[in-house]
Protein backbone atom coordinates (compact mmCIF):
# COMPACT_ATOMS: atom_id res chain seq x y z
CA UNK A 1 -14.39 16.86 1.17
CA UNK A 2 -12.52 19.69 -0.57
CA UNK A 3 -12.77 23.00 1.29
CA UNK A 4 -14.45 25.34 -1.25
CA UNK A 5 -12.29 28.21 -0.03
CA UNK A 6 -8.88 26.56 0.38
CA UNK A 7 -9.17 23.74 -2.16
CA UNK A 8 -6.61 20.94 -2.56
CA UNK A 9 -3.43 20.40 -4.54
CA UNK A 10 -4.13 19.00 -8.00
CA UNK A 11 -1.91 15.90 -7.55
CA UNK A 12 -3.84 14.95 -4.42
CA UNK A 13 -7.16 15.26 -6.27
CA UNK A 14 -5.94 13.06 -9.15
CA UNK A 15 -4.72 10.43 -6.69
CA UNK A 16 -7.99 10.46 -4.79
CA UNK A 17 -9.86 9.96 -8.06
CA UNK A 18 -8.05 6.62 -8.34
CA UNK A 19 -6.25 7.48 -11.58
CA UNK A 20 -2.74 7.15 -10.21
CA UNK A 21 -0.54 7.73 -7.18
CA UNK A 22 0.33 11.28 -6.14
CA UNK A 23 3.88 10.89 -7.50
CA UNK A 24 2.55 9.61 -10.81
CA UNK A 25 0.14 12.57 -10.91
CA UNK A 26 3.03 14.99 -10.52
CA UNK A 27 4.82 13.34 -13.44
CA UNK A 28 1.65 13.53 -15.57
CA UNK A 29 1.33 17.23 -14.77
CA UNK A 30 4.96 17.97 -15.63
CA UNK A 31 4.55 16.19 -18.97
CA UNK A 32 1.60 18.42 -19.91
CA UNK A 33 -1.15 15.82 -19.63
CA UNK A 34 -3.32 17.74 -17.15
CA UNK A 35 -5.37 20.90 -17.60
CA UNK A 36 -7.51 22.93 -15.20
CA UNK A 37 -10.28 25.18 -16.53
CA UNK A 38 -8.78 24.97 -20.02
CA UNK A 39 -5.18 25.76 -19.04
CA UNK A 40 -2.52 23.06 -19.43
CA UNK A 41 -0.43 22.82 -16.27
CA UNK A 42 3.36 22.77 -16.26
CA UNK A 43 3.85 22.08 -12.56
CA UNK A 44 1.99 20.54 -9.59
CA UNK A 45 1.91 23.68 -7.39
CA UNK A 46 -1.75 24.30 -8.27
CA UNK A 47 -4.77 24.29 -5.97
CA UNK A 48 -8.20 23.28 -7.25
CA UNK A 49 -11.70 23.30 -5.79
CA UNK A 50 -14.85 21.27 -6.39
CA UNK A 51 -15.84 23.71 -9.15
CA UNK A 52 -12.57 23.30 -11.11
CA UNK A 53 -12.83 21.53 -14.47
CA UNK A 54 -9.95 19.07 -14.53
CA UNK A 55 -8.97 17.09 -17.60
CA UNK A 56 -6.34 14.39 -18.10
CA UNK A 57 -5.29 13.73 -21.71
CA UNK A 58 -8.27 15.85 -22.74
CA UNK A 59 -10.78 13.78 -20.79
CA UNK A 60 -12.60 14.97 -17.67
CA UNK A 61 -12.04 13.24 -14.37
CA UNK A 62 -14.41 10.36 -13.78
CA UNK A 63 -17.17 11.06 -11.29
CA UNK A 64 -15.55 10.35 -8.00
CA UNK A 65 -16.57 7.11 -6.34
CA UNK A 66 -16.61 6.49 -2.64
CA UNK A 67 -13.35 4.88 -1.43
CA UNK A 68 -13.35 1.11 -1.74
CA UNK A 69 -10.98 -1.47 -0.29
CA UNK A 70 -10.14 -5.06 -1.19
CA UNK A 71 -8.19 -7.80 0.53
CA UNK A 72 -6.00 -9.75 -1.89
CA UNK A 73 -3.94 -12.87 -1.17
CA UNK A 74 -0.80 -12.19 -3.15
CA UNK A 75 1.01 -15.33 -4.33
CA UNK A 76 4.82 -15.33 -4.52
CA UNK A 77 6.24 -14.54 -7.94
CA UNK A 78 4.23 -11.38 -8.65
CA UNK A 79 5.61 -7.84 -8.48
CA UNK A 80 3.53 -5.11 -6.85
CA UNK A 81 3.66 -2.59 -9.66
CA UNK A 82 1.45 -1.66 -12.61
CA UNK A 83 4.27 -2.00 -15.14
CA UNK A 84 7.46 -3.99 -14.74
CA UNK A 85 10.42 -3.07 -16.99
CA UNK A 86 11.64 -6.66 -16.79
CA UNK A 87 8.32 -8.00 -18.04
CA UNK A 88 7.57 -10.03 -14.91
CA UNK A 89 3.93 -10.79 -14.06
CA UNK A 90 2.33 -8.21 -11.79
CA UNK A 91 -0.30 -8.23 -9.08
CA UNK A 92 -2.52 -6.03 -11.22
CA UNK A 93 -2.34 -8.38 -14.22
CA UNK A 94 -3.80 -11.12 -12.04
CA UNK A 95 -6.86 -9.24 -10.76
CA UNK A 96 -10.41 -9.98 -12.01
CA UNK A 97 -11.23 -8.02 -15.19
CA UNK A 98 -14.32 -6.42 -13.66
CA UNK A 99 -12.33 -4.63 -10.94
CA UNK A 100 -11.80 -0.87 -11.27
CA UNK A 101 -8.31 0.56 -11.44
CA UNK A 102 -6.73 0.13 -8.02
CA UNK A 103 -3.46 0.88 -6.29
CA UNK A 104 -1.84 -1.09 -3.50
CA UNK A 105 -1.48 0.07 0.08
CA UNK A 106 2.20 -0.65 0.59
CA UNK A 107 3.94 -3.44 -1.25
CA UNK A 108 5.04 -7.01 -0.96
CA UNK A 109 8.24 -7.94 -2.79
CA UNK A 110 8.46 -10.59 -5.51
CA UNK A 111 9.04 -13.56 -3.21
CA UNK A 112 6.68 -12.46 -0.43
CA UNK A 113 3.07 -13.54 -0.15
CA UNK A 114 -0.05 -12.92 1.88
CA UNK A 115 -2.33 -9.98 2.53
CA UNK A 116 -2.14 -7.01 0.17
CA UNK A 117 -4.73 -4.25 0.50
CA UNK A 118 -5.97 -2.61 -2.70
CA UNK A 119 -8.00 0.58 -3.07
CA UNK A 120 -9.50 2.77 -5.78
CA UNK A 121 -8.39 5.87 -3.82
CA UNK A 122 -4.73 6.79 -4.24
CA UNK A 123 -4.79 9.36 -1.46
CA UNK A 124 -6.23 6.82 0.96
CA UNK A 125 -3.43 4.43 0.02
CA UNK A 126 -0.82 7.06 0.77
CA UNK A 127 -2.40 7.88 4.12
CA UNK A 128 -2.52 4.26 5.29
CA UNK A 129 1.04 3.52 4.17
CA UNK A 130 2.54 6.17 6.46
CA UNK A 131 3.90 5.06 9.86
CA UNK A 132 1.81 7.86 11.38
CA UNK A 133 -1.27 5.70 10.70
CA UNK A 134 -0.04 3.47 13.53
CA UNK A 135 -1.23 0.39 11.68
CA UNK A 136 0.63 -2.80 12.57
CA UNK A 137 1.80 -5.13 9.82
CA UNK A 138 2.02 -8.74 11.06
CA UNK A 139 4.01 -11.46 9.30
CA UNK A 140 4.81 -15.13 9.70
CA UNK A 141 8.40 -15.74 8.64
CA UNK A 142 10.29 -18.99 8.05
CA UNK A 143 14.02 -18.60 8.57
CA UNK A 144 17.06 -20.85 8.37
CA UNK A 145 19.23 -21.32 11.44
CA UNK A 146 18.89 -21.64 15.20
CA UNK A 147 17.01 -18.64 16.57
CA UNK A 148 18.28 -16.72 19.59
CA UNK A 149 15.10 -15.60 21.37
CA UNK A 150 17.01 -12.96 23.31
CA UNK A 151 18.10 -11.25 20.10
CA UNK A 152 14.53 -11.38 18.82
CA UNK A 153 13.26 -9.73 22.00
CA UNK A 154 15.89 -6.98 21.68
CA UNK A 155 14.30 -5.86 18.40
CA UNK A 156 11.62 -4.20 20.54
CA UNK A 157 14.22 -1.46 21.13
CA UNK A 158 14.75 -0.92 17.41
CA UNK A 159 17.84 -1.83 15.41
CA UNK A 160 20.24 -0.19 12.95
CA UNK A 161 21.16 -2.20 9.84
CA UNK A 162 23.65 -0.84 7.30
CA UNK A 163 23.08 2.69 8.56
CA UNK A 164 19.27 2.46 8.42
CA UNK A 165 17.40 2.78 11.71
CA UNK A 166 14.38 0.52 12.13
CA UNK A 167 11.90 1.26 14.89
CA UNK A 168 10.25 -1.07 17.38
CA UNK A 169 9.74 -4.61 16.07
CA UNK A 170 7.91 -7.33 17.99
CA UNK A 171 9.31 -10.75 17.09
CA UNK A 172 8.61 -14.08 18.76
CA UNK A 173 9.71 -17.63 18.00
CA UNK A 174 6.76 -19.87 17.16
CA UNK A 175 8.59 -23.14 16.55
CA UNK A 176 12.12 -24.40 15.86
CA UNK A 177 12.30 -27.54 13.73
CA UNK A 178 15.85 -28.64 13.11
CA UNK A 179 17.62 -25.88 11.21
CA UNK A 180 14.42 -24.05 10.29
CA UNK A 181 12.17 -21.90 12.44
CA UNK A 182 8.91 -19.96 12.18
CA UNK A 183 8.77 -16.48 13.69
CA UNK A 184 5.87 -14.02 14.05
CA UNK A 185 6.96 -10.44 13.37
CA UNK A 186 4.92 -7.26 13.93
CA UNK A 187 6.00 -3.74 12.97
CA UNK A 188 4.50 -0.36 12.08
CA UNK A 189 7.10 1.29 9.83
CA UNK A 190 7.12 -1.11 6.91
CA UNK A 191 10.34 0.16 5.32
CA UNK A 192 11.58 -1.43 2.10
CA UNK A 193 12.32 -5.15 2.70
CA UNK A 194 12.46 -4.43 6.43
CA UNK A 195 11.77 -7.95 7.67
CA UNK A 196 14.27 -9.58 5.32
CA UNK A 197 17.02 -7.08 6.16
CA UNK A 198 16.52 -7.36 9.90
CA UNK A 199 16.47 -11.16 9.78
CA UNK A 200 19.66 -11.15 7.68
CA UNK A 201 21.21 -8.86 10.30
CA UNK A 202 20.44 -11.58 12.87
CA UNK A 203 22.08 -14.17 10.63
CA UNK A 204 18.93 -15.73 9.20
CA UNK A 205 17.98 -16.21 5.57
CA UNK A 206 14.25 -15.86 4.99
CA UNK A 207 12.69 -18.82 3.20
CA UNK A 208 9.07 -17.65 3.30
CA UNK A 209 7.47 -14.37 4.29
CA UNK A 210 3.68 -14.25 4.66
CA UNK A 211 1.80 -11.10 5.64
CA UNK A 212 -1.05 -12.07 7.93
CA UNK A 213 -2.51 -8.67 8.77
CA UNK A 214 -2.36 -4.99 7.88
CA UNK A 215 -3.95 -2.88 10.59
CA UNK A 216 -7.42 -4.26 11.40
CA UNK A 217 -7.61 -6.31 8.19
CA UNK A 218 -6.64 -9.99 8.26
CA UNK A 219 -5.60 -12.50 5.61
CA UNK A 220 -7.83 -15.07 7.29
CA UNK A 221 -8.92 -17.92 5.02
CA UNK A 222 -8.48 -16.00 1.79
CA UNK A 223 -7.02 -18.39 -0.79
CA UNK A 224 -3.98 -17.52 -2.90
CA UNK A 225 -4.97 -15.19 -5.73
CA UNK A 226 -8.41 -14.54 -4.23
CA UNK A 227 -9.81 -11.00 -3.90
CA UNK A 228 -12.47 -10.02 -1.39
CA UNK A 229 -13.99 -6.53 -1.10
CA UNK A 230 -14.31 -5.05 2.38
CA UNK A 231 -17.90 -3.95 2.97
CA UNK A 232 -18.55 -0.17 2.93
CA UNK A 233 -19.89 -0.40 6.48
CA UNK A 234 -16.70 -2.02 7.80
CA UNK A 235 -14.59 0.44 5.84
CA UNK A 236 -16.39 3.42 7.34
CA UNK A 237 -16.13 1.94 10.84
CA UNK A 238 -12.42 1.21 10.59
CA UNK A 239 -11.33 4.37 8.76
CA UNK A 240 -13.98 6.90 9.76
CA UNK A 241 -14.58 7.79 6.11
CA UNK A 242 -17.40 10.16 5.11
CA UNK A 243 -19.39 9.70 1.93
CA UNK A 244 -17.37 10.96 -1.04
CA UNK A 245 -18.40 14.23 -2.72
CA UNK A 246 -19.04 14.25 -6.42
CA UNK A 247 -16.71 16.30 -8.55
CA UNK A 248 -18.03 18.34 -11.48
CA UNK A 249 -17.75 16.47 -14.77
CA UNK A 250 -17.86 17.70 -18.33
């Protein structure tokens, strides 16, 4: 809940309302799309309270809903973005039409598949993406080549690839079949294309990459393309979320 004395930064409030990410909110503000109490903003260094009248493109913020969360089984071939400049199909194009506007918690690249968490609360998404959340991302990865289990085990000490330092990674060989192998990989940082880059560093090309879990949430038996909402009770238990306050409309 917003502290009535201290308030919150405007970009954070827009993200929490589910309109956009915090970065997108800052761009909207700088382009003159956002006003507070009748004044058009020209920069994001503005603090608002529950009594502030916020408008985007002349329209008031929607009444804030409680945070919601969905599990989605992302198929390969979809990009995790709302708009793709190359015109490729996106995750958000494939969602049921009755879903509210949502943002993803982290991303899966074009060829990757498996569990993608979606939420109507942009600030919640940002919070759960950060390594500080401590949430483990678990993947099943098919690679080409004979796997050296000793090198996999050494990833627990972290590894530097092309000047980028990756933290502790738990990786274990599940099965080696000829020149292909399946590996289970668990990590908490989730840097851009981390699994693919680390596997390439070990000399393995990734053939399939499936996310099985993100924190306490599992892919389970969710079919490709299927969406399943996490119950409010489970969401509160796992994230410790209070009921959302309602923001003044009008």
